[in-house]
C-alpha atoms as a PDB file:
ATOM      1  CA  MET A   1     100.548  92.924 128.844  1.00  0.00           C
ATOM      2  CA  THR A   2      99.352  95.961 126.953  1.00  0.00           C
ATOM      3  CA  GLN A   3      97.108  98.938 127.500  1.00  0.00           C
ATOM      4  CA  ASP A   4      93.401  98.336 127.118  1.00  0.00           C
ATOM      5  CA  PHE A   5      92.339  99.352 123.614  1.00  0.00           C
ATOM      6  CA  GLY A   6      88.710  99.939 122.845  1.00  0.00           C
ATOM      7  CA  GLU A   7      87.385  98.800 119.503  1.00  0.00           C
ATOM      8  CA  SER A   8      87.148 102.434 118.392  1.00  0.00           C
ATOM      9  CA  GLU A   9      90.910 102.885 118.896  1.00  0.00           C
ATOM     10  CA  VAL A  10      91.868  99.937 116.684  1.00  0.00           C
ATOM     11  CA  ALA A  11      91.883 101.127 113.072  1.00  0.00           C
ATOM     12  CA  LEU A  12      92.603  97.705 111.577  1.00  0.00           C
ATOM     13  CA  GLU A  13      92.598  94.089 112.685  1.00  0.00           C
ATOM     14  CA  VAL A  14      94.809  91.646 110.781  1.00  0.00           C
ATOM     15  CA  ASP A  15      93.953  87.960 111.214  1.00  0.00           C
ATOM     16  CA  ALA A  16      97.027  85.756 110.885  1.00  0.00           C
ATOM     17  CA  LEU A  17      95.833  82.940 113.141  1.00  0.00           C
ATOM     18  CA  GLY A  18      97.145  79.584 111.971  1.00  0.00           C
ATOM     19  CA  LEU A  19      99.957  81.105 109.901  1.00  0.00           C
ATOM     20  CA  LEU A  20     103.600  80.395 110.674  1.00  0.00           C
ATOM     21  CA  CYS A  21     106.682  82.623 110.529  1.00  0.00           C
ATOM     22  CA  PRO A  22     107.209  84.792 108.540  1.00  0.00           C
ATOM     23  CA  LEU A  23     103.639  84.975 107.221  1.00  0.00           C
ATOM     24  CA  PRO A  24     102.020  86.874 110.144  1.00  0.00           C
ATOM     25  CA  VAL A  25     104.508  89.749 109.855  1.00  0.00           C
ATOM     26  CA  LEU A  26     104.330  89.760 106.055  1.00  0.00           C
ATOM     27  CA  ARG A  27     100.539  89.984 106.205  1.00  0.00           C
ATOM     28  CA  LEU A  28     100.781  92.747 108.825  1.00  0.00           C
ATOM     29  CA  ARG A  29     103.216  94.762 106.695  1.00  0.00           C
ATOM     30  CA  LYS A  30     101.036  94.488 103.587  1.00  0.00           C
ATOM     31  CA  ARG A  31      97.797  95.416 105.362  1.00  0.00           C
ATOM     32  CA  MET A  32      99.403  98.358 107.218  1.00  0.00           C
ATOM     33  CA  GLN A  33     100.244 100.078 103.924  1.00  0.00           C
ATOM     34  CA  GLY A  34      96.715 101.468 103.665  1.00  0.00           C
ATOM     35  CA  VAL A  35      96.544 102.766 107.238  1.00  0.00           C
ATOM     36  CA  GLU A  36      97.236 106.352 108.291  1.00  0.00           C
ATOM     37  CA  PRO A  37     100.315 107.079 110.446  1.00  0.00           C
ATOM     38  CA  GLY A  38      99.485 106.980 114.146  1.00  0.00           C
ATOM     39  CA  ALA A  39      96.751 104.380 113.717  1.00  0.00           C
ATOM     40  CA  VAL A  40      96.635 101.365 116.025  1.00  0.00           C
ATOM     41  CA  VAL A  41      96.653  97.972 114.324  1.00  0.00           C
ATOM     42  CA  ARG A  42      95.806  94.696 116.062  1.00  0.00           C
ATOM     43  CA  LEU A  43      97.464  91.561 114.697  1.00  0.00           C
ATOM     44  CA  LEU A  44      95.981  88.224 115.692  1.00  0.00           C
ATOM     45  CA  ALA A  45      98.706  85.574 115.524  1.00  0.00           C
ATOM     46  CA  ASP A  46      99.144  82.297 117.380  1.00  0.00           C
ATOM     47  CA  ASP A  47     102.615  81.437 116.064  1.00  0.00           C
ATOM     48  CA  PRO A  48     104.982  81.523 119.087  1.00  0.00           C
ATOM     49  CA  ALA A  49     107.625  83.223 116.907  1.00  0.00           C
ATOM     50  CA  ALA A  50     105.337  86.265 116.618  1.00  0.00           C
ATOM     51  CA  HIS A  51     106.429  87.315 120.120  1.00  0.00           C
ATOM     52  CA  VAL A  52     109.893  87.914 118.651  1.00  0.00           C
ATOM     53  CA  ASP A  53     108.982  88.779 115.063  1.00  0.00           C
ATOM     54  CA  VAL A  54     106.412  91.528 115.690  1.00  0.00           C
ATOM     55  CA  PRO A  55     108.603  93.672 118.004  1.00  0.00           C
ATOM     56  CA  HIS A  56     111.507  93.206 115.570  1.00  0.00           C
ATOM     57  CA  PHE A  57     109.283  94.275 112.652  1.00  0.00           C
ATOM     58  CA  CYS A  58     108.339  97.399 114.610  1.00  0.00           C
ATOM     59  CA  VAL A  59     111.946  98.341 115.332  1.00  0.00           C
ATOM     60  CA  GLU A  60     112.952  97.835 111.711  1.00  0.00           C
ATOM     61  CA  GLY A  61     109.980  99.805 110.363  1.00  0.00           C
ATOM     62  CA  GLY A  62     109.970 102.575 112.956  1.00  0.00           C
ATOM     63  CA  HIS A  63     106.558 101.550 114.278  1.00  0.00           C
ATOM     64  CA  ALA A  64     105.690 101.482 117.983  1.00  0.00           C
ATOM     65  CA  PHE A  65     105.112  98.046 119.489  1.00  0.00           C
ATOM     66  CA  LEU A  66     102.407  98.689 122.078  1.00  0.00           C
ATOM     67  CA  GLY A  67     102.359  95.197 123.547  1.00  0.00           C
ATOM     68  CA  ALA A  68     100.725  91.814 123.314  1.00  0.00           C
ATOM     69  CA  GLU A  69      97.880  90.117 125.110  1.00  0.00           C
ATOM     70  CA  GLY A  70      97.407  86.438 124.322  1.00  0.00           C
ATOM     71  CA  THR A  71      97.264  86.161 120.545  1.00  0.00           C
ATOM     72  CA  ALA A  72      96.676  89.911 120.019  1.00  0.00           C
ATOM     73  CA  PHE A  73      99.625  92.180 119.182  1.00  0.00           C
ATOM     74  CA  TYR A  74      99.199  95.965 119.084  1.00  0.00           C
ATOM     75  CA  VAL A  75     101.230  98.231 116.805  1.00  0.00           C
ATOM     76  CA  ARG A  76     101.047 101.988 116.212  1.00  0.00           C
ATOM     77  CA  LYS A  77     101.984 102.807 112.624  1.00  0.00           C
ATOM     78  CA  ALA A  78     104.849 105.272 112.165  1.00  0.00           C
END
């Protein structure tokens, strides 16, 4: 579970539905390059591996993993 984010708080939504590991995280990393530090990014991913891959990506990149709700993963860019 995650905090409730309003649409105005999400700076970017990355759609990776239907993609398999490692493509959701690779797409997230590429799209986050143009986002300001501190911005909240929502990744949509239905690959079960995303529940492991996204938090790991955050630790490695210094980003904050804010949680997941269904197929939505929330990350705050470092």
